[in-house]
Amino acid sequence: MQEEWGDMLITAWNRADWINLPGRVGDRIGKLIGAPAGTVVMGDTLSVKVYQALAAALEISSERRIILSDSGNFPSDLYIAEGLIKSLDKGYELKLCEPEAIADSLNDEVAVLMLTEVDYKTGRLHSMQNLTAQAHDKGILTVWDLAHSAGALPVQVTDTDVDFAVGCSYKYLNAGPGGPAFIYVAPRLADQVRPALSGWLGHEAPFAFDLDYRPGPGIERMRIGTPPILQLTALEASLDIWDLADINDVRARSIELTDLFIGLVESSCPELKLVSPRDGEQRGSQVSFQFRHGYAAMRALIDRGVIGDFRAPDIMRFGITPLYINAEDIHRAVSIIEDVMLYRHWDKKEYFSRSAVT
């Protein structure tokens, strides 16, 4: 902040190598998702990266017209697909199925399978390996959203032969709101895809200021505009923890802590119904409970220091990150949850008034 942002000013593009920051940070995230160096780049928001990946995949699968997703996908991904379909106006169609019916819904009319690996509401975990293989068997490209996966569980985009993957950095990668998103393109496709959003930093020679666009090599073509330097620098610092931690150890501890949380909540708060998979291997690093007055109950919990969030219509969601949450924290949180539920502390008028962000 002081030396680069404050003193170097624009000379930091070269002196501090800001220009390569999106790729440098992308390589660090690449290690967490099983991607080789030079295949992940940072920038923009997750919605923009979904747009880029989906548009590129549809252009490759130009003879097919179906985008397949599931009813548990994050709505923003579906909105992006709907908007892209309208803009292209080429007869594309978004089809949704239940999460359990994805494999049976794959056929030779599907161009792209677009899924979020970990369900944002329930934490249910899709099998990336199995579904990608089944999609490829039918000539279908895959776009995986890793928003709730990266930094929470081991991901292997290379070993599973994923075509495109995107994700945010503000959840388990600790970048905070507004943190830049990432996009991965399989090396076999990277020099083939055409960027739908052809910004100047995705150009082959951005500082030549040519009037015609020529895509840069490989993943560089997925860059668009000027990167958010402050946010990327904060994210780069937050990634230092992964030089000390192994994602497999984090995953094992996550399952242990979420199992503990589920057991304690169910034994003390029978009003709360578990909607996350009970088997730790089948869920991400979050636990969700259903409660008719979930919004009010979550407001009461937040007032008492247990910070989760609410997802309509009645889901109370708790993210558990082993990097800074331990068993003692779990016990303390559950004691507060028990108190709120037992004594109905949530049943106050002010807790039923909806805020803009839930």
Protein backbone atom coordinates (compact mmCIF):
# COMPACT_ATOMS: atom_id res chain seq x y z
CA MET A 1 0.00 0.00 0.00
CA GLN A 2 2.68 2.52 0.99
CA GLU A 3 5.54 1.63 -1.34
CA GLU A 4 3.77 0.40 -4.47
CA TRP A 5 0.35 2.08 -4.44
CA GLY A 6 1.47 5.19 -2.59
CA ASP A 7 4.94 5.90 -3.97
CA MET A 8 5.51 3.99 -7.22
CA LEU A 9 2.12 4.96 -8.66
CA ILE A 10 1.79 3.80 -12.26
CA THR A 11 5.45 2.84 -12.46
CA ALA A 12 4.50 -0.17 -10.30
CA TRP A 13 3.01 -1.83 -13.40
CA ASN A 14 6.62 -2.60 -14.30
CA ARG A 15 8.61 -2.10 -11.09
CA ALA A 16 6.27 -4.24 -8.96
CA ASP A 17 5.13 -6.40 -11.89
CA TRP A 18 1.47 -5.49 -11.46
CA ILE A 19 0.85 -6.36 -15.10
CA ASN A 20 1.47 -10.05 -14.40
CA LEU A 21 -0.33 -10.14 -11.05
CA PRO A 22 -3.50 -11.82 -12.45
CA GLY A 23 -1.45 -14.72 -13.81
CA ARG A 24 0.83 -14.95 -10.79
CA VAL A 25 -2.09 -15.19 -8.37
CA GLY A 26 -3.89 -17.48 -10.83
CA ASP A 27 -0.99 -19.92 -10.69
CA ARG A 28 -1.24 -20.03 -6.89
CA ILE A 29 -4.94 -20.80 -7.03
CA GLY A 30 -4.17 -23.28 -9.80
CA LYS A 31 -2.18 -25.34 -7.29
CA LEU A 32 -5.30 -25.64 -5.13
CA ILE A 33 -7.49 -26.85 -7.99
CA GLY A 34 -5.01 -29.15 -9.70
CA ALA A 35 -4.30 -26.85 -12.65
CA PRO A 36 -0.85 -26.49 -14.24
CA ALA A 37 0.93 -23.15 -14.32
CA GLY A 38 -0.32 -20.81 -17.01
CA THR A 39 -3.89 -22.11 -17.15
CA VAL A 40 -5.64 -19.92 -14.53
CA VAL A 41 -6.02 -16.15 -14.62
CA MET A 42 -7.69 -13.70 -12.24
CA GLY A 43 -9.97 -10.73 -12.82
CA ASP A 44 -13.52 -9.42 -12.80
CA THR A 45 -16.38 -11.08 -10.94
CA LEU A 46 -17.50 -14.70 -10.96
CA SER A 47 -20.54 -13.83 -13.07
CA VAL A 48 -18.26 -12.39 -15.75
CA LYS A 49 -16.09 -15.51 -15.69
CA VAL A 50 -19.18 -17.74 -16.02
CA TYR A 51 -20.17 -15.69 -19.07
CA GLN A 52 -16.71 -16.07 -20.61
CA ALA A 53 -16.53 -19.82 -20.04
CA LEU A 54 -20.07 -20.56 -21.18
CA ALA A 55 -19.82 -18.39 -24.29
CA ALA A 56 -16.56 -20.05 -25.31
CA ALA A 57 -17.93 -23.53 -24.72
CA LEU A 58 -21.08 -22.87 -26.76
CA GLU A 59 -19.04 -21.60 -29.68
CA ILE A 60 -16.96 -24.79 -29.71
CA SER A 61 -20.11 -26.94 -29.55
CA SER A 62 -21.75 -24.96 -32.31
CA GLU A 63 -24.01 -27.75 -33.57
CA ARG A 64 -25.80 -28.31 -30.25
CA ARG A 65 -28.31 -26.07 -28.55
CA ILE A 66 -28.87 -27.23 -24.95
CA ILE A 67 -27.19 -25.93 -21.80
CA LEU A 68 -27.86 -28.41 -19.01
CA SER A 69 -27.72 -27.44 -15.35
CA ASP A 70 -29.47 -28.50 -12.17
CA SER A 71 -32.12 -26.89 -9.98
CA GLY A 72 -29.61 -26.46 -7.16
CA ASN A 73 -27.24 -24.29 -9.15
CA PHE A 74 -26.54 -20.77 -7.95
CA PRO A 75 -29.16 -18.52 -9.57
CA SER A 76 -26.60 -16.01 -10.86
CA ASP A 77 -25.04 -18.71 -13.06
CA LEU A 78 -28.48 -19.46 -14.48
CA TYR A 79 -29.20 -15.77 -15.04
CA ILE A 80 -25.94 -15.44 -16.97
CA ALA A 81 -26.93 -18.40 -19.14
CA GLU A 82 -30.37 -16.93 -19.80
CA GLY A 83 -28.93 -13.56 -20.74
CA LEU A 84 -26.32 -15.09 -23.04
CA ILE A 85 -29.01 -17.19 -24.75
CA LYS A 86 -31.06 -14.07 -25.48
CA SER A 87 -28.04 -12.15 -26.77
CA LEU A 88 -26.92 -14.93 -29.08
CA ASP A 89 -30.47 -15.51 -30.37
CA LYS A 90 -29.50 -18.80 -32.01
CA GLY A 91 -32.06 -21.13 -30.50
CA TYR A 92 -30.11 -22.10 -27.39
CA GLU A 93 -32.09 -23.42 -24.44
CA LEU A 94 -31.30 -23.75 -20.74
CA LYS A 95 -32.64 -26.99 -19.28
CA LEU A 96 -32.71 -27.74 -15.57
CA CYS A 97 -33.03 -31.13 -13.91
CA GLU A 98 -32.94 -32.33 -10.33
CA PRO A 99 -29.39 -32.86 -9.03
CA GLU A 100 -29.87 -36.61 -8.90
CA ALA A 101 -30.99 -36.74 -12.54
CA ILE A 102 -28.00 -35.07 -14.19
CA ALA A 103 -26.39 -38.24 -15.53
CA ASP A 104 -29.68 -39.45 -17.01
CA SER A 105 -30.25 -36.05 -18.67
CA LEU A 106 -27.01 -36.12 -20.69
CA ASN A 107 -27.62 -36.75 -24.39
CA ASP A 108 -26.36 -35.75 -27.83
CA GLU A 109 -28.45 -32.56 -27.84
CA VAL A 110 -26.56 -31.08 -24.88
CA ALA A 111 -23.75 -28.69 -25.76
CA VAL A 112 -22.57 -27.75 -22.27
CA LEU A 113 -23.01 -29.15 -18.79
CA MET A 114 -22.79 -26.21 -16.37
CA LEU A 115 -22.69 -27.10 -12.68
CA THR A 116 -21.56 -25.78 -9.32
CA GLU A 117 -19.59 -28.54 -7.62
CA VAL A 118 -20.87 -27.71 -4.11
CA ASP A 119 -24.51 -26.68 -3.81
CA TYR A 120 -24.69 -23.18 -2.34
CA LYS A 121 -27.75 -23.96 -0.19
CA THR A 122 -27.25 -27.49 1.06
CA GLY A 123 -23.53 -28.12 0.58
CA ARG A 124 -24.28 -31.24 -1.49
CA LEU A 125 -21.19 -32.28 -3.46
CA HIS A 126 -21.37 -33.36 -7.11
CA SER A 127 -18.88 -35.92 -8.42
CA MET A 128 -16.85 -33.81 -10.82
CA GLN A 129 -14.92 -36.82 -12.02
CA ASN A 130 -17.91 -39.01 -12.82
CA LEU A 131 -20.09 -36.31 -14.38
CA THR A 132 -17.28 -34.89 -16.49
CA ALA A 133 -16.44 -38.36 -17.82
CA GLN A 134 -20.12 -39.10 -18.56
CA ALA A 135 -20.49 -35.73 -20.31
CA HIS A 136 -17.41 -36.28 -22.45
CA ASP A 137 -18.65 -39.72 -23.43
CA LYS A 138 -21.54 -37.90 -25.13
CA GLY A 139 -19.45 -35.12 -26.63
CA ILE A 140 -20.53 -32.53 -24.03
CA LEU A 141 -18.23 -29.79 -22.74
CA THR A 142 -18.20 -28.97 -19.02
CA VAL A 143 -18.17 -25.69 -17.12
CA TRP A 144 -17.65 -26.13 -13.37
CA ASP A 145 -18.24 -23.40 -10.80
CA LEU A 146 -15.82 -23.92 -7.89
CA ALA A 147 -17.05 -21.04 -5.72
CA HIS A 148 -17.59 -23.29 -2.69
CA SER A 149 -14.82 -25.75 -3.57
CA ALA A 150 -11.56 -23.83 -4.01
CA GLY A 151 -9.82 -23.71 -0.64
CA ALA A 152 -12.42 -26.00 0.95
CA LEU A 153 -11.68 -29.38 -0.61
CA PRO A 154 -9.22 -31.00 -3.02
CA VAL A 155 -10.03 -30.28 -6.68
CA GLN A 156 -8.23 -31.83 -9.65
CA VAL A 157 -9.31 -30.12 -12.86
CA THR A 158 -6.47 -31.73 -14.84
CA ASP A 159 -6.99 -35.27 -13.60
CA THR A 160 -10.75 -35.04 -14.18
CA ASP A 161 -10.23 -33.48 -17.64
CA VAL A 162 -12.49 -30.49 -16.95
CA ASP A 163 -12.93 -28.15 -19.92
CA PHE A 164 -13.62 -24.88 -18.09
CA ALA A 165 -13.68 -23.98 -14.40
CA VAL A 166 -14.45 -20.70 -12.67
CA GLY A 167 -14.66 -19.59 -9.09
CA CYS A 168 -14.65 -16.67 -6.70
CA SER A 169 -11.97 -15.87 -4.15
CA TYR A 170 -14.05 -14.29 -1.39
CA LYS A 171 -15.17 -17.49 0.35
CA TYR A 172 -12.64 -20.15 1.34
CA LEU A 173 -9.76 -18.26 -0.30
CA ASN A 174 -10.36 -15.38 2.12
CA ALA A 175 -10.20 -12.46 -0.33
CA GLY A 176 -13.31 -10.78 1.05
CA PRO A 177 -16.26 -9.26 -0.84
CA GLY A 178 -15.23 -7.89 -4.21
CA GLY A 179 -12.26 -10.25 -4.43
CA PRO A 180 -11.49 -11.11 -8.06
CA ALA A 181 -12.67 -14.35 -9.62
CA PHE A 182 -10.64 -16.89 -11.57
CA ILE A 183 -11.07 -18.83 -14.78
CA TYR A 184 -9.38 -22.04 -15.91
CA VAL A 185 -9.33 -23.29 -19.49
CA ALA A 186 -7.97 -26.74 -20.30
CA PRO A 187 -4.65 -26.42 -22.19
CA ARG A 188 -6.05 -28.40 -25.13
CA LEU A 189 -8.64 -25.62 -25.61
CA ALA A 190 -6.79 -22.51 -24.47
CA ASP A 191 -5.50 -21.45 -27.88
CA GLN A 192 -8.75 -22.42 -29.58
CA VAL A 193 -11.36 -20.51 -27.59
CA ARG A 194 -12.55 -17.10 -28.72
CA PRO A 195 -13.10 -14.59 -25.92
CA ALA A 196 -16.65 -13.26 -26.03
CA LEU A 197 -15.46 -10.26 -23.99
CA SER A 198 -12.41 -9.11 -25.91
CA GLY A 199 -10.86 -6.50 -23.64
CA TRP A 200 -7.57 -4.74 -24.18
CA LEU A 201 -5.53 -6.80 -21.69
CA GLY A 202 -6.64 -9.98 -23.44
CA HIS A 203 -5.06 -8.64 -26.63
CA GLU A 204 -1.91 -10.21 -28.02
CA ALA A 205 -0.12 -6.85 -27.68
CA PRO A 206 -2.21 -4.58 -25.43
CA PHE A 207 0.23 -1.67 -25.48
CA ALA A 208 0.50 -1.61 -29.24
CA PHE A 209 -3.00 -0.08 -29.12
CA ASP A 210 -3.99 -1.69 -32.42
CA LEU A 211 -7.49 -0.95 -33.62
CA ASP A 212 -8.21 -4.63 -34.32
CA TYR A 213 -8.39 -7.36 -31.70
CA ARG A 214 -6.04 -10.34 -31.75
CA PRO A 215 -6.42 -12.74 -28.82
CA GLY A 216 -3.43 -13.29 -26.59
CA PRO A 217 -1.85 -16.71 -26.14
CA GLY A 218 -3.58 -19.33 -24.01
CA ILE A 219 -5.28 -18.23 -20.83
CA GLU A 220 -4.09 -14.63 -21.33
CA ARG A 221 -6.93 -14.11 -23.80
CA MET A 222 -9.38 -14.49 -20.92
CA ARG A 223 -8.15 -11.27 -19.38
CA ILE A 224 -10.44 -8.33 -20.08
CA GLY A 225 -9.76 -4.96 -18.48
CA THR A 226 -7.49 -3.42 -15.89
CA PRO A 227 -7.16 -5.80 -12.90
CA PRO A 228 -8.11 -4.73 -9.34
CA ILE A 229 -4.60 -4.35 -7.94
CA LEU A 230 -5.51 -3.73 -4.29
CA GLN A 231 -7.87 -6.70 -4.15
CA LEU A 232 -5.41 -8.96 -5.97
CA THR A 233 -2.61 -7.97 -3.62
CA ALA A 234 -4.76 -8.70 -0.58
CA LEU A 235 -5.70 -12.06 -2.11
CA GLU A 236 -2.06 -12.87 -2.81
CA ALA A 237 -1.26 -12.25 0.86
CA SER A 238 -4.15 -14.42 1.99
CA LEU A 239 -2.86 -17.26 -0.19
CA ASP A 240 0.37 -17.38 1.83
CA ILE A 241 -1.41 -19.66 4.31
CA TRP A 242 -1.50 -22.37 1.64
CA ASP A 243 2.30 -22.49 1.72
CA LEU A 244 1.87 -23.86 5.25
CA ALA A 245 -1.31 -25.94 4.93
CA ASP A 246 -2.16 -29.00 2.87
CA ILE A 247 -5.63 -28.98 1.31
CA ASN A 248 -6.08 -32.68 2.11
CA ASP A 249 -5.48 -31.98 5.81
CA VAL A 250 -7.91 -29.06 5.63
CA ARG A 251 -10.52 -31.31 4.05
CA ALA A 252 -10.12 -34.02 6.71
CA ARG A 253 -10.44 -31.45 9.47
CA SER A 254 -13.45 -29.89 7.74
CA ILE A 255 -15.31 -33.20 7.75
CA GLU A 256 -14.41 -33.74 11.40
CA LEU A 257 -15.66 -30.30 12.44
CA THR A 258 -18.84 -30.37 10.36
CA ASP A 259 -19.66 -33.85 11.70
CA LEU A 260 -19.20 -32.51 15.22
CA PHE A 261 -21.38 -29.49 14.46
CA ILE A 262 -24.18 -31.62 13.02
CA GLY A 263 -24.16 -34.02 15.96
CA LEU A 264 -24.27 -31.28 18.57
CA VAL A 265 -26.98 -29.25 16.84
CA GLU A 266 -29.22 -32.26 16.25
CA SER A 267 -28.91 -33.42 19.85
CA SER A 268 -29.74 -30.00 21.30
CA CYS A 269 -31.99 -28.32 18.71
CA PRO A 270 -34.60 -30.76 17.37
CA GLU A 271 -36.43 -27.88 15.62
CA LEU A 272 -33.58 -27.59 13.12
CA LYS A 273 -33.73 -30.10 10.25
CA LEU A 274 -30.49 -31.04 8.53
CA VAL A 275 -30.62 -30.49 4.76
CA SER A 276 -26.93 -31.05 4.06
CA PRO A 277 -25.75 -34.59 3.27
CA ARG A 278 -25.02 -36.49 6.47
CA ASP A 279 -22.02 -38.20 4.92
CA GLY A 280 -19.10 -35.79 5.13
CA GLU A 281 -17.64 -37.08 1.87
CA GLN A 282 -20.81 -35.95 0.10
CA ARG A 283 -20.79 -32.31 1.20
CA GLY A 284 -18.54 -29.29 1.10
CA SER A 285 -17.36 -27.31 4.12
CA GLN A 286 -20.77 -25.90 5.01
CA VAL A 287 -23.74 -27.20 6.95
CA SER A 288 -27.31 -26.10 6.38
CA PHE A 289 -30.38 -26.54 8.54
CA GLN A 290 -34.00 -25.88 7.70
CA PHE A 291 -36.18 -23.88 10.07
CA ARG A 292 -39.45 -22.14 9.33
CA HIS A 293 -38.25 -18.94 11.00
CA GLY A 294 -34.68 -19.32 9.81
CA TYR A 295 -34.20 -15.68 8.92
CA ALA A 296 -35.18 -14.43 12.38
CA ALA A 297 -33.16 -17.16 14.06
CA MET A 298 -30.05 -16.27 12.06
CA ARG A 299 -30.47 -12.59 12.95
CA ALA A 300 -30.60 -13.57 16.63
CA LEU A 301 -27.50 -15.72 16.27
CA ILE A 302 -25.54 -12.98 14.53
CA ASP A 303 -26.38 -10.59 17.35
CA ARG A 304 -24.78 -13.13 19.69
CA GLY A 305 -21.63 -13.63 17.65
CA VAL A 306 -22.47 -16.74 15.59
CA ILE A 307 -22.27 -15.47 12.03
CA GLY A 308 -23.93 -17.59 9.41
CA ASP A 309 -26.30 -16.59 6.67
CA PHE A 310 -29.82 -17.23 5.42
CA ARG A 311 -30.93 -18.59 2.07
CA ALA A 312 -34.58 -18.34 1.11
CA PRO A 313 -37.01 -19.72 1.87
CA ASP A 314 -35.92 -21.29 5.17
CA ILE A 315 -32.26 -22.32 5.12
CA MET A 316 -29.77 -21.41 7.86
CA ARG A 317 -26.26 -21.87 6.45
CA PHE A 318 -23.05 -22.20 8.45
CA GLY A 319 -19.63 -22.11 6.77
CA ILE A 320 -16.86 -23.89 8.67
CA THR A 321 -13.27 -23.08 7.74
CA PRO A 322 -10.66 -25.18 9.57
CA LEU A 323 -7.93 -22.62 8.90
CA TYR A 324 -9.33 -20.53 11.74
CA ILE A 325 -12.18 -22.49 13.35
CA ASN A 326 -11.57 -25.30 15.85
CA ALA A 327 -13.60 -27.71 17.98
CA GLU A 328 -13.81 -25.22 20.84
CA ASP A 329 -15.41 -22.70 18.49
CA ILE A 330 -17.91 -25.35 17.38
CA HIS A 331 -18.96 -26.08 20.97
CA ARG A 332 -19.29 -22.38 21.80
CA ALA A 333 -21.38 -21.75 18.68
CA VAL A 334 -23.72 -24.66 19.36
CA SER A 335 -24.27 -23.53 22.94
CA ILE A 336 -25.43 -20.17 21.60
CA ILE A 337 -27.64 -21.82 18.97
CA GLU A 338 -29.19 -24.00 21.67
CA ASP A 339 -29.89 -20.98 23.84
CA VAL A 340 -31.47 -19.03 20.99
CA MET A 341 -33.69 -21.94 20.01
CA LEU A 342 -34.62 -23.13 23.49
CA TYR A 343 -35.62 -19.70 24.77
CA ARG A 344 -36.97 -18.45 21.44
CA HIS A 345 -34.72 -15.41 21.42
CA TRP A 346 -35.39 -15.20 17.68
CA ASP A 347 -39.08 -14.44 18.27
CA LYS A 348 -38.77 -10.66 18.29
CA LYS A 349 -40.30 -8.22 15.87
CA GLU A 350 -36.99 -6.66 14.85
CA TYR A 351 -35.59 -10.03 13.74
CA PHE A 352 -38.37 -10.53 11.19
CA SER A 353 -37.61 -7.28 9.37
CA ARG A 354 -35.62 -8.24 6.26
CA SER A 355 -32.37 -6.46 5.51
CA ALA A 356 -31.19 -5.91 1.95
CA VAL A 357 -28.59 -8.68 2.37
CA THR A 358 -29.66 -11.91 4.05
